[in-house]
């Protein structure tokens, strides 16, 4: 089993000398016939031929990559870099060698000549190309270039000129890391204060407003006063109010239990389309080194064009064990480890707020480290978003507990989740009511997520908070059919700690 898991992880990552089996199969299928898509993209192959020869990329390989580019509506370069046939470093080093230019493997972030807004714009772009200026330490300005096809053509025309002598080739990931290190302070400040500055009334930074504090204080005085005065009427009223609230909760669940969805189940189509946008996957990890192999296996099964997928593994900077466990696996170019600088509050939503500006996807999904999402979940979410109007801001995938037989607590937890995600949430969505989102597998329309202010770093139940905030801004949420499997708590202490955090966050959100 361990050997099988290791093979699957290597399928998600890559070694420079290895080539995935599925790529071999595509090459065999391509022999003897070139698709129309390949014909459309083959001019790119001809332009990159000198670099491909240096890298040892055969014509058959090039045809398969060109076909992928045509089907996915991307470029030959983008598909090559995610194919596993060549590393990003090797590709851009080959460009530098072909042009006779210097190749930079390290960049001093303090030497970058960038304004803060320029840096943040670069970080938000999908790293397919890039350019920046640095001061080389001798008073000279040097251009750092990670060329795309147009840049490659331009550099070939100016090969040997003064411009090429003042420029250096750099891999996008190297340039991106330098820009990221330079922008850490700005990103941290925006993560901590972005929502509070945009909508202070929606932030949990201030726990109580003046009116809330007044009414809470008045209630705290009224109860002991009523006890002293033995006010029967007050306690009868209080009892009636709490009873009505409790019965309303029971009635809500009964209504959901006997409701049957009229909408026919929709199965996501597996057909690829050039219209598929970039999808950003955020995974929050904290002291979870032991589940990293399982996580990589689960993410590797997601059905989405790799050239349009970006995965951000978000870790605390001082969580060395988890970061080392991730870096122990050679990751593809579309996977990035985001190290969040240590600062208070140390919450999951703060880490997500830090990582969001580093993504470029039209849609954003959040997973936890122990999640195993259904392979077609991204496709179903995208198709549902495309079929709906702009008011649909979020889709919640159902969570299923995979370890129900481990203990009585995990079994009851699974029963609770089944009722919540298969009955109550679909009923609330069908009646366009506020959806209390789960803590994972939330698929957001990026424009909606940014409009409502993103994650609140001061709230410990960011899911319930975002569900309420989306409704306040006029967005609705719905549910998916493709589930995410995860492990539930197996002992009482774990269950109790989780439940305390949930109630704390719900009260704060309320």
Protein backbone atom coordinates (compact mmCIF):
# COMPACT_ATOMS: atom_id res chain seq x y z
CA UNK A 1 0.00 0.00 0.00
CA UNK A 2 2.84 2.37 0.87
CA UNK A 3 4.52 1.62 -2.46
CA UNK A 4 1.29 2.31 -4.34
CA UNK A 5 0.85 5.61 -2.50
CA UNK A 6 4.43 6.58 -3.35
CA UNK A 7 3.80 5.89 -7.04
CA UNK A 8 0.66 8.03 -6.97
CA UNK A 9 2.47 10.91 -5.32
CA UNK A 10 5.15 10.73 -7.98
CA UNK A 11 2.39 10.93 -10.57
CA UNK A 12 1.40 14.26 -9.06
CA UNK A 13 4.97 15.50 -8.71
CA UNK A 14 7.79 14.60 -11.03
CA UNK A 15 11.44 13.79 -11.32
CA UNK A 16 13.40 15.27 -14.19
CA UNK A 17 14.24 11.85 -15.64
CA UNK A 18 10.71 10.45 -15.38
CA UNK A 19 7.76 10.77 -17.71
CA UNK A 20 4.16 9.93 -16.69
CA UNK A 21 2.69 6.78 -18.23
CA UNK A 22 -0.36 8.65 -19.48
CA UNK A 23 1.90 10.89 -21.53
CA UNK A 24 3.37 7.80 -23.25
CA UNK A 25 -0.18 6.71 -24.08
CA UNK A 26 -0.94 10.08 -25.65
CA UNK A 27 2.21 9.84 -27.76
CA UNK A 28 1.18 6.40 -29.03
CA UNK A 29 -2.28 7.74 -29.91
CA UNK A 30 -0.73 10.71 -31.72
CA UNK A 31 1.54 8.62 -33.96
CA UNK A 32 0.24 8.53 -37.52
CA UNK A 33 -2.24 11.38 -37.07
CA UNK A 34 -2.04 15.05 -36.07
CA UNK A 35 -5.20 16.65 -34.71
CA UNK A 36 -6.61 19.87 -36.06
CA UNK A 37 -5.72 21.49 -32.74
CA UNK A 38 -2.11 20.40 -33.15
CA UNK A 39 -1.97 21.90 -36.65
CA UNK A 40 -3.17 25.22 -35.23
CA UNK A 41 -0.49 25.25 -32.53
CA UNK A 42 2.38 23.64 -34.47
CA UNK A 43 3.74 27.06 -35.57
CA UNK A 44 4.60 27.55 -31.88
CA UNK A 45 6.46 24.25 -31.96
CA UNK A 46 8.51 25.48 -34.92
CA UNK A 47 9.37 28.71 -33.08
CA UNK A 48 10.47 26.83 -29.95
CA UNK A 49 12.35 24.12 -31.91
CA UNK A 50 15.89 25.30 -30.99
CA UNK A 51 15.01 25.21 -27.30
CA UNK A 52 13.17 21.88 -27.63
CA UNK A 53 16.22 20.35 -29.33
CA UNK A 54 18.41 21.44 -26.44
CA UNK A 55 15.95 19.80 -24.04
CA UNK A 56 15.64 16.61 -26.07
CA UNK A 57 11.89 17.01 -26.67
CA UNK A 58 10.94 14.85 -29.67
CA UNK A 59 8.49 15.76 -32.42
CA UNK A 60 6.00 13.15 -31.15
CA UNK A 61 6.10 14.73 -27.70
CA UNK A 62 5.64 18.15 -29.26
CA UNK A 63 2.56 16.99 -31.19
CA UNK A 64 0.90 15.72 -28.00
CA UNK A 65 1.66 18.95 -26.14
CA UNK A 66 0.40 21.03 -29.07
CA UNK A 67 -2.81 19.00 -29.11
CA UNK A 68 -3.31 19.68 -25.41
CA UNK A 69 -2.77 23.39 -25.99
CA UNK A 70 -5.38 23.44 -28.75
CA UNK A 71 -7.94 21.51 -26.70
CA UNK A 72 -7.39 23.57 -23.54
CA UNK A 73 -7.17 26.93 -25.31
CA UNK A 74 -3.69 27.59 -23.91
CA UNK A 75 -0.18 27.91 -25.34
CA UNK A 76 2.37 25.25 -26.22
CA UNK A 77 4.73 26.74 -23.62
CA UNK A 78 2.14 26.53 -20.83
CA UNK A 79 1.34 22.88 -21.61
CA UNK A 80 5.02 21.94 -21.86
CA UNK A 81 5.81 23.37 -18.42
CA UNK A 82 3.03 21.35 -16.74
CA UNK A 83 3.60 18.15 -18.71
CA UNK A 84 6.37 16.78 -16.49
CA UNK A 85 8.74 16.37 -19.43
CA UNK A 86 10.91 19.28 -18.36
CA UNK A 87 11.31 21.46 -15.30
CA UNK A 88 10.73 25.18 -15.42
CA UNK A 89 14.36 25.83 -14.48
CA UNK A 90 15.63 23.58 -17.29
CA UNK A 91 13.34 25.23 -19.87
CA UNK A 92 14.41 28.80 -19.14
CA UNK A 93 18.06 27.80 -18.77
CA UNK A 94 17.83 26.32 -22.29
CA UNK A 95 16.41 29.65 -23.53
CA UNK A 96 19.35 31.50 -21.96
CA UNK A 97 21.87 29.07 -23.45
CA UNK A 98 20.32 29.34 -26.92
CA UNK A 99 20.43 33.15 -26.78
CA UNK A 100 23.85 33.29 -25.13
CA UNK A 101 22.41 35.26 -22.22
CA UNK A 102 23.02 35.00 -18.51
CA UNK A 103 20.61 32.85 -16.49
CA UNK A 104 19.71 34.00 -12.97
CA UNK A 105 18.93 31.38 -10.34
CA UNK A 106 18.72 33.78 -7.38
CA UNK A 107 17.37 37.29 -7.03
CA UNK A 108 17.88 39.68 -4.15
CA UNK A 109 14.33 40.92 -3.41
CA UNK A 110 15.67 44.26 -2.16
CA UNK A 111 17.27 44.94 -5.55
CA UNK A 112 13.94 44.79 -7.39
CA UNK A 113 12.80 48.15 -8.76
CA UNK A 114 9.07 47.73 -8.23
CA UNK A 115 6.32 49.74 -6.60
CA UNK A 116 4.14 47.83 -4.14
CA UNK A 117 1.11 47.82 -6.41
CA UNK A 118 3.21 46.55 -9.32
CA UNK A 119 4.52 43.75 -7.12
CA UNK A 120 1.01 42.73 -6.04
CA UNK A 121 -0.17 42.76 -9.66
CA UNK A 122 2.69 40.46 -10.64
CA UNK A 123 1.86 38.08 -7.79
CA UNK A 124 -1.75 37.83 -8.87
CA UNK A 125 -0.86 36.85 -12.45
CA UNK A 126 -0.51 33.20 -13.36
CA UNK A 127 3.29 32.75 -13.66
CA UNK A 128 3.58 32.14 -17.39
CA UNK A 129 5.71 35.18 -18.11
CA UNK A 130 7.24 38.04 -16.24
CA UNK A 131 9.69 40.92 -16.36
CA UNK A 132 11.28 43.20 -13.80
CA UNK A 133 14.24 45.52 -13.28
CA UNK A 134 16.97 45.22 -10.69
CA UNK A 135 20.00 47.23 -9.66
CA UNK A 136 23.01 44.92 -10.05
CA UNK A 137 25.13 46.44 -7.28
CA UNK A 138 27.33 48.47 -9.66
CA UNK A 139 24.80 51.19 -10.38
CA UNK A 140 23.54 49.51 -13.56
CA UNK A 141 19.93 48.61 -14.31
CA UNK A 142 19.45 45.02 -15.47
CA UNK A 143 16.27 43.57 -16.97
CA UNK A 144 15.01 40.21 -15.72
CA UNK A 145 12.91 38.44 -18.34
CA UNK A 146 10.88 35.24 -18.21
CA UNK A 147 9.84 35.27 -21.89
CA UNK A 148 6.70 33.90 -23.45
CA UNK A 149 6.58 33.18 -27.20
CA UNK A 150 6.42 36.86 -28.17
CA UNK A 151 9.32 37.65 -25.84
CA UNK A 152 11.33 34.74 -27.23
CA UNK A 153 10.87 36.02 -30.78
CA UNK A 154 11.86 39.53 -29.74
CA UNK A 155 14.98 38.36 -27.93
CA UNK A 156 16.07 36.33 -30.96
CA UNK A 157 15.82 39.42 -33.14
CA UNK A 158 17.96 41.42 -30.72
CA UNK A 159 20.38 38.58 -29.99
CA UNK A 160 23.87 39.95 -29.36
CA UNK A 161 22.67 43.56 -29.10
CA UNK A 162 23.17 45.94 -26.18
CA UNK A 163 19.62 45.13 -24.99
CA UNK A 164 20.37 41.42 -24.73
CA UNK A 165 23.59 42.17 -22.84
CA UNK A 166 21.64 44.21 -20.28
CA UNK A 167 19.00 41.51 -19.85
CA UNK A 168 19.04 38.20 -18.02
CA UNK A 169 16.75 35.21 -18.29
CA UNK A 170 14.95 34.05 -15.15
CA UNK A 171 12.42 31.33 -14.39
CA UNK A 172 8.98 32.74 -13.41
CA UNK A 173 9.00 30.86 -10.09
CA UNK A 174 12.36 32.40 -9.12
CA UNK A 175 11.15 35.90 -9.99
CA UNK A 176 7.86 35.26 -8.21
CA UNK A 177 9.57 34.16 -5.00
CA UNK A 178 11.71 37.30 -4.98
CA UNK A 179 8.65 39.53 -5.48
CA UNK A 180 6.80 37.57 -2.79
CA UNK A 181 9.60 38.02 -0.26
CA UNK A 182 9.62 41.74 -0.99
CA UNK A 183 5.83 42.01 -0.54
CA UNK A 184 5.47 39.95 2.66
CA UNK A 185 4.85 42.97 4.87
CA UNK A 186 2.22 44.44 2.54
CA UNK A 187 0.45 41.10 2.16
CA UNK A 188 0.41 40.58 5.92
CA UNK A 189 -1.01 44.04 6.58
CA UNK A 190 -3.73 43.56 3.97
CA UNK A 191 -4.60 40.13 5.33
CA UNK A 192 -4.99 41.56 8.84
CA UNK A 193 -6.72 44.83 8.02
CA UNK A 194 -8.27 44.45 4.56
CA UNK A 195 -11.79 43.53 5.64
CA UNK A 196 -11.76 45.87 8.64
CA UNK A 197 -10.81 48.84 6.46
CA UNK A 198 -13.27 47.87 3.71
CA UNK A 199 -16.26 46.96 5.91
CA UNK A 200 -15.61 47.42 9.65
CA UNK A 201 -19.21 46.42 10.40
CA UNK A 202 -18.49 42.95 8.94
CA UNK A 203 -15.23 42.38 10.81
CA UNK A 204 -14.89 40.46 14.08
CA UNK A 205 -11.90 42.61 15.04
CA UNK A 206 -14.25 44.54 17.30
CA UNK A 207 -16.29 41.86 19.06
CA UNK A 208 -19.20 44.14 20.07
CA UNK A 209 -20.56 47.38 18.72
CA UNK A 210 -21.74 50.08 21.12
CA UNK A 211 -25.40 49.05 20.79
CA UNK A 212 -24.59 45.36 21.20
CA UNK A 213 -22.56 46.07 24.33
CA UNK A 214 -25.42 48.19 25.71
CA UNK A 215 -28.09 45.50 25.19
CA UNK A 216 -25.81 42.75 26.50
CA UNK A 217 -25.09 44.81 29.59
CA UNK A 218 -28.78 45.55 30.06
CA UNK A 219 -29.58 41.83 29.80
CA UNK A 220 -26.82 40.99 32.29
CA UNK A 221 -28.37 43.44 34.77
CA UNK A 222 -31.99 42.42 34.09
CA UNK A 223 -31.55 38.70 34.85
CA UNK A 224 -30.10 39.04 38.40
CA UNK A 225 -32.57 41.85 39.12
CA UNK A 226 -35.46 39.60 38.13
CA UNK A 227 -34.05 36.87 40.36
CA UNK A 228 -33.94 39.24 43.31
CA UNK A 229 -37.45 40.51 42.66
CA UNK A 230 -38.70 36.99 41.89
CA UNK A 231 -40.33 38.24 38.71
CA UNK A 232 -42.29 35.24 37.48
CA UNK A 233 -43.52 37.09 34.40
CA UNK A 234 -39.95 37.76 33.21
CA UNK A 235 -38.89 34.13 33.45
CA UNK A 236 -42.10 32.92 31.81
CA UNK A 237 -41.38 35.30 28.92
CA UNK A 238 -37.76 34.11 28.75
CA UNK A 239 -38.90 30.48 28.78
CA UNK A 240 -41.40 31.13 25.97
CA UNK A 241 -38.78 32.87 23.83
CA UNK A 242 -36.23 30.07 24.22
CA UNK A 243 -38.88 27.41 23.61
CA UNK A 244 -40.06 29.11 20.41
CA UNK A 245 -36.46 29.36 19.22
CA UNK A 246 -35.81 25.67 19.96
CA UNK A 247 -39.05 24.54 18.31
CA UNK A 248 -38.24 26.66 15.25
CA UNK A 249 -34.92 24.82 14.92
CA UNK A 250 -36.72 21.46 15.21
CA UNK A 251 -39.35 22.52 12.65
CA UNK A 252 -36.62 23.61 10.24
CA UNK A 253 -35.02 20.16 10.36
CA UNK A 254 -38.34 18.36 10.03
CA UNK A 255 -39.15 20.41 6.94
CA UNK A 256 -35.75 19.55 5.45
CA UNK A 257 -36.11 15.85 6.31
CA UNK A 258 -39.42 15.49 4.42
CA UNK A 259 -38.38 17.67 1.45
CA UNK A 260 -37.43 16.08 -1.82
CA UNK A 261 -35.45 18.07 -4.34
CA UNK A 262 -37.37 18.61 -7.56
CA UNK A 263 -34.25 19.47 -9.55
CA UNK A 264 -33.00 16.34 -11.39
CA UNK A 265 -29.48 15.28 -10.45
CA UNK A 266 -26.92 16.74 -12.85
CA UNK A 267 -23.82 14.77 -13.70
CA UNK A 268 -20.83 16.88 -14.67
CA UNK A 269 -19.59 16.42 -18.21
CA UNK A 270 -16.02 15.19 -18.53
CA UNK A 271 -15.48 16.87 -21.91
CA UNK A 272 -12.64 19.40 -21.94
CA UNK A 273 -13.33 22.86 -23.31
CA UNK A 274 -11.12 25.83 -24.25
CA UNK A 275 -13.60 27.92 -22.25
CA UNK A 276 -12.49 26.40 -18.96
CA UNK A 277 -10.94 29.21 -16.84
CA UNK A 278 -8.08 29.17 -14.37
CA UNK A 279 -9.17 27.49 -11.13
CA UNK A 280 -7.37 28.29 -7.86
CA UNK A 281 -7.19 25.63 -5.14
CA UNK A 282 -6.28 26.78 -1.62
CA UNK A 283 -5.32 24.15 0.95
CA UNK A 284 -4.77 25.26 4.55
CA UNK A 285 -2.29 23.12 6.52
CA UNK A 286 -1.14 23.47 10.11
CA UNK A 287 1.00 20.81 11.80
CA UNK A 288 -0.27 18.16 9.38
CA UNK A 289 2.91 16.69 7.93
CA UNK A 290 1.61 13.13 8.27
CA UNK A 291 -1.28 13.69 5.82
CA UNK A 292 0.79 15.38 3.08
CA UNK A 293 1.18 12.21 0.92
CA UNK A 294 -2.56 11.52 1.15
CA UNK A 295 -3.30 15.17 0.27
CA UNK A 296 -1.08 15.10 -2.83
CA UNK A 297 -2.73 11.88 -4.01
CA UNK A 298 -6.19 13.42 -3.58
CA UNK A 299 -5.29 16.62 -5.39
CA UNK A 300 -3.63 14.70 -8.24
CA UNK A 301 -7.00 13.12 -9.07
CA UNK A 302 -8.77 16.44 -9.69
CA UNK A 303 -9.97 16.56 -13.30
CA UNK A 304 -8.96 19.95 -14.65
CA UNK A 305 -6.42 21.07 -17.30
CA UNK A 306 -3.12 21.37 -15.45
CA UNK A 307 -2.20 24.48 -17.44
CA UNK A 308 -5.32 26.17 -15.98
CA UNK A 309 -4.93 24.90 -12.43
CA UNK A 310 -3.04 26.54 -9.59
CA UNK A 311 -2.71 24.88 -6.20
CA UNK A 312 -1.54 26.87 -3.18
CA UNK A 313 -0.49 24.86 -0.13
CA UNK A 314 -0.81 27.47 2.64
CA UNK A 315 1.35 26.86 5.73
CA UNK A 316 2.55 28.89 8.68
CA UNK A 317 6.18 29.91 8.15
CA UNK A 318 7.31 28.43 11.47
CA UNK A 319 5.56 25.11 10.78
CA UNK A 320 8.85 23.64 9.56
CA UNK A 321 7.75 20.02 9.76
CA UNK A 322 4.78 20.46 7.41
CA UNK A 323 6.74 22.61 4.95
CA UNK A 324 9.57 20.05 4.84
CA UNK A 325 7.09 17.22 4.33
CA UNK A 326 5.65 19.04 1.30
CA UNK A 327 9.03 19.94 -0.19
CA UNK A 328 10.13 16.31 0.14
CA UNK A 329 7.99 15.71 -2.97
CA UNK A 330 9.15 17.32 -6.24
CA UNK A 331 6.08 19.35 -7.19
CA UNK A 332 4.83 20.38 -10.58
CA UNK A 333 5.04 24.03 -11.63
CA UNK A 334 1.36 24.70 -10.85
CA UNK A 335 1.83 23.81 -7.18
CA UNK A 336 3.20 26.48 -4.85
CA UNK A 337 3.94 26.43 -1.13
CA UNK A 338 2.78 29.69 0.49
CA UNK A 339 4.53 30.38 3.80
CA UNK A 340 2.51 32.81 5.93
CA UNK A 341 4.68 35.03 8.18
CA UNK A 342 4.04 34.57 11.89
CA UNK A 343 1.68 37.24 13.22
CA UNK A 344 -1.39 37.49 15.41
CA UNK A 345 -4.06 36.30 15.15
CA UNK A 346 -2.82 32.86 14.09
CA UNK A 347 -6.01 31.69 12.42
CA UNK A 348 -6.91 29.75 9.30
CA UNK A 349 -8.84 32.68 7.75
CA UNK A 350 -5.81 34.96 8.20
CA UNK A 351 -3.65 32.48 6.28
CA UNK A 352 -6.28 32.28 3.52
CA UNK A 353 -6.57 36.08 3.37
CA UNK A 354 -2.77 36.21 2.94
CA UNK A 355 -2.84 33.67 0.10
CA UNK A 356 -5.84 35.00 -1.87
CA UNK A 357 -3.92 37.89 -3.57
CA UNK A 358 -1.42 35.30 -4.82
CA UNK A 359 -4.04 33.54 -6.94
CA UNK A 360 -5.29 34.35 -10.43
CA UNK A 361 -8.25 31.99 -10.82
CA UNK A 362 -11.72 33.10 -11.85
CA UNK A 363 -12.97 30.55 -9.30
CA UNK A 364 -11.46 29.66 -5.92
CA UNK A 365 -11.99 26.52 -3.86
CA UNK A 366 -10.86 25.83 -0.30
CA UNK A 367 -9.84 22.41 1.01
CA UNK A 368 -8.44 21.14 4.30
CA UNK A 369 -5.33 18.99 4.53
CA UNK A 370 -7.19 15.73 5.22
CA UNK A 371 -9.72 16.19 2.38
CA UNK A 372 -10.15 13.79 -0.55
CA UNK A 373 -12.36 15.67 -3.01
CA UNK A 374 -14.28 13.91 -5.76
CA UNK A 375 -12.24 14.08 -9.01
CA UNK A 376 -15.08 15.80 -10.91
CA UNK A 377 -15.88 18.38 -8.24
CA UNK A 378 -14.16 21.32 -9.97
CA UNK A 379 -15.88 20.49 -13.26
CA UNK A 380 -19.32 20.29 -11.63
CA UNK A 381 -18.77 23.59 -9.81
CA UNK A 382 -17.65 25.37 -12.98
CA UNK A 383 -20.60 24.06 -15.00
CA UNK A 384 -23.02 25.12 -12.26
CA UNK A 385 -21.50 28.61 -12.10
CA UNK A 386 -21.67 28.92 -15.89
CA UNK A 387 -25.33 27.89 -15.96
CA UNK A 388 -26.33 30.34 -13.20
CA UNK A 389 -26.46 34.12 -12.99
CA UNK A 390 -23.92 36.32 -11.21
CA UNK A 391 -25.93 36.15 -7.96
CA UNK A 392 -24.61 32.62 -7.35
CA UNK A 393 -21.53 33.44 -5.30
CA UNK A 394 -20.68 30.10 -3.68
CA UNK A 395 -21.21 26.37 -4.07
CA UNK A 396 -20.80 24.01 -1.13
CA UNK A 397 -19.75 20.43 -1.80
CA UNK A 398 -21.15 17.84 0.63
CA UNK A 399 -18.73 16.49 3.23
CA UNK A 400 -18.73 12.76 3.94
CA UNK A 401 -17.05 11.11 6.93
CA UNK A 402 -14.84 8.21 5.85
CA UNK A 403 -13.99 6.78 9.29
CA UNK A 404 -17.51 6.24 10.62
CA UNK A 405 -16.69 2.74 11.87
CA UNK A 406 -13.76 3.93 13.97
CA UNK A 407 -15.88 4.84 17.03
CA UNK A 408 -19.34 5.78 18.21
CA UNK A 409 -18.43 9.49 18.09
CA UNK A 410 -17.17 9.34 14.50
CA UNK A 411 -20.29 7.38 13.50
CA UNK A 412 -22.60 9.98 15.06
CA UNK A 413 -20.51 12.72 13.49
CA UNK A 414 -21.00 11.10 10.10
CA UNK A 415 -24.74 10.85 10.72
CA UNK A 416 -24.82 14.57 11.60
CA UNK A 417 -22.89 15.50 8.45
CA UNK A 418 -25.21 13.39 6.27
CA UNK A 419 -28.23 15.25 7.59
CA UNK A 420 -26.54 18.64 7.26
CA UNK A 421 -25.00 18.37 3.79
CA UNK A 422 -27.51 16.08 2.08
CA UNK A 423 -30.71 17.53 3.52
CA UNK A 424 -30.56 20.77 5.48
CA UNK A 425 -28.19 22.77 3.26
CA UNK A 426 -29.91 21.77 -0.03
CA UNK A 427 -33.27 22.72 1.54
CA UNK A 428 -31.93 26.12 2.64
CA UNK A 429 -30.41 26.68 -0.81
CA UNK A 430 -33.63 25.73 -2.59
CA UNK A 431 -35.52 28.31 -0.52
CA UNK A 432 -32.78 30.94 -1.07
CA UNK A 433 -32.02 31.19 2.65
CA UNK A 434 -28.68 31.90 4.32
CA UNK A 435 -26.34 28.92 3.94
CA UNK A 436 -24.01 28.18 6.88
CA UNK A 437 -21.06 26.97 4.82
CA UNK A 438 -18.87 24.06 5.85
CA UNK A 439 -15.25 24.75 6.71
CA UNK A 440 -13.99 23.19 3.49
CA UNK A 441 -14.96 22.47 -0.13
CA UNK A 442 -16.37 25.97 -0.64
CA UNK A 443 -16.23 26.98 -4.31
CA UNK A 444 -16.36 30.76 -4.75
CA UNK A 445 -16.87 33.03 -7.69
CA UNK A 446 -13.76 35.15 -7.19
CA UNK A 447 -15.51 38.45 -7.94
CA UNK A 448 -18.08 37.73 -5.23
CA UNK A 449 -15.45 36.64 -2.71
CA UNK A 450 -13.48 39.85 -3.20
CA UNK A 451 -16.57 42.07 -3.12
CA UNK A 452 -17.61 40.78 0.30
CA UNK A 453 -14.09 41.31 1.65
CA UNK A 454 -12.68 37.76 1.62
CA UNK A 455 -11.90 35.90 4.84
CA UNK A 456 -12.06 37.60 8.24
CA UNK A 457 -8.76 36.90 10.08
CA UNK A 458 -10.38 37.59 13.45
CA UNK A 459 -13.15 34.98 13.15
CA UNK A 460 -12.54 31.31 13.99
CA UNK A 461 -15.50 30.00 11.96
CA UNK A 462 -14.73 31.67 8.65
CA UNK A 463 -17.24 29.40 6.91
CA UNK A 464 -20.32 30.58 8.82
CA UNK A 465 -19.08 34.18 8.62
CA UNK A 466 -18.68 34.08 4.82
CA UNK A 467 -22.05 32.39 4.32
CA UNK A 468 -23.75 35.18 6.23
CA UNK A 469 -21.74 37.93 4.55
CA UNK A 470 -22.50 36.63 1.05
CA UNK A 471 -26.22 36.78 1.88
CA UNK A 472 -25.87 40.32 3.27
CA UNK A 473 -24.32 41.44 -0.03
CA UNK A 474 -27.13 39.90 -2.08
CA UNK A 475 -25.39 36.69 -3.19
CA UNK A 476 -26.87 33.24 -2.86
CA UNK A 477 -25.20 29.91 -2.21
CA UNK A 478 -26.07 26.44 -3.46
CA UNK A 479 -24.86 22.87 -3.06
CA UNK A 480 -23.04 20.36 -5.28
CA UNK A 481 -23.47 16.60 -5.61
CA UNK A 482 -19.79 15.54 -5.90
CA UNK A 483 -18.62 15.05 -2.29
CA UNK A 484 -15.41 15.52 -0.34
CA UNK A 485 -14.41 12.74 2.03
CA UNK A 486 -12.64 13.51 5.28
CA UNK A 487 -12.00 11.98 8.69
CA UNK A 488 -14.19 12.94 11.65
CA UNK A 489 -13.15 13.09 15.33
CA UNK A 490 -12.84 9.67 16.95
CA UNK A 491 -12.64 10.61 20.63
CA UNK A 492 -14.57 12.90 22.94
CA UNK A 493 -11.77 15.41 23.62
CA UNK A 494 -11.17 16.05 19.90
CA UNK A 495 -14.90 16.40 19.30
CA UNK A 496 -15.30 18.77 22.27
CA UNK A 497 -12.42 21.06 21.20
CA UNK A 498 -13.84 21.31 17.70
CA UNK A 499 -17.37 21.99 18.98
CA UNK A 500 -16.11 24.73 21.33
CA UNK A 501 -14.40 26.50 18.44
CA UNK A 502 -17.54 26.23 16.32
CA UNK A 503 -19.79 27.71 19.00
CA UNK A 504 -17.31 30.48 19.73
CA UNK A 505 -17.23 31.45 16.06
CA UNK A 506 -20.98 31.18 15.59
CA UNK A 507 -21.66 33.42 18.59
CA UNK A 508 -19.11 35.92 17.34
CA UNK A 509 -20.63 35.91 13.85
CA UNK A 510 -24.15 36.29 15.27
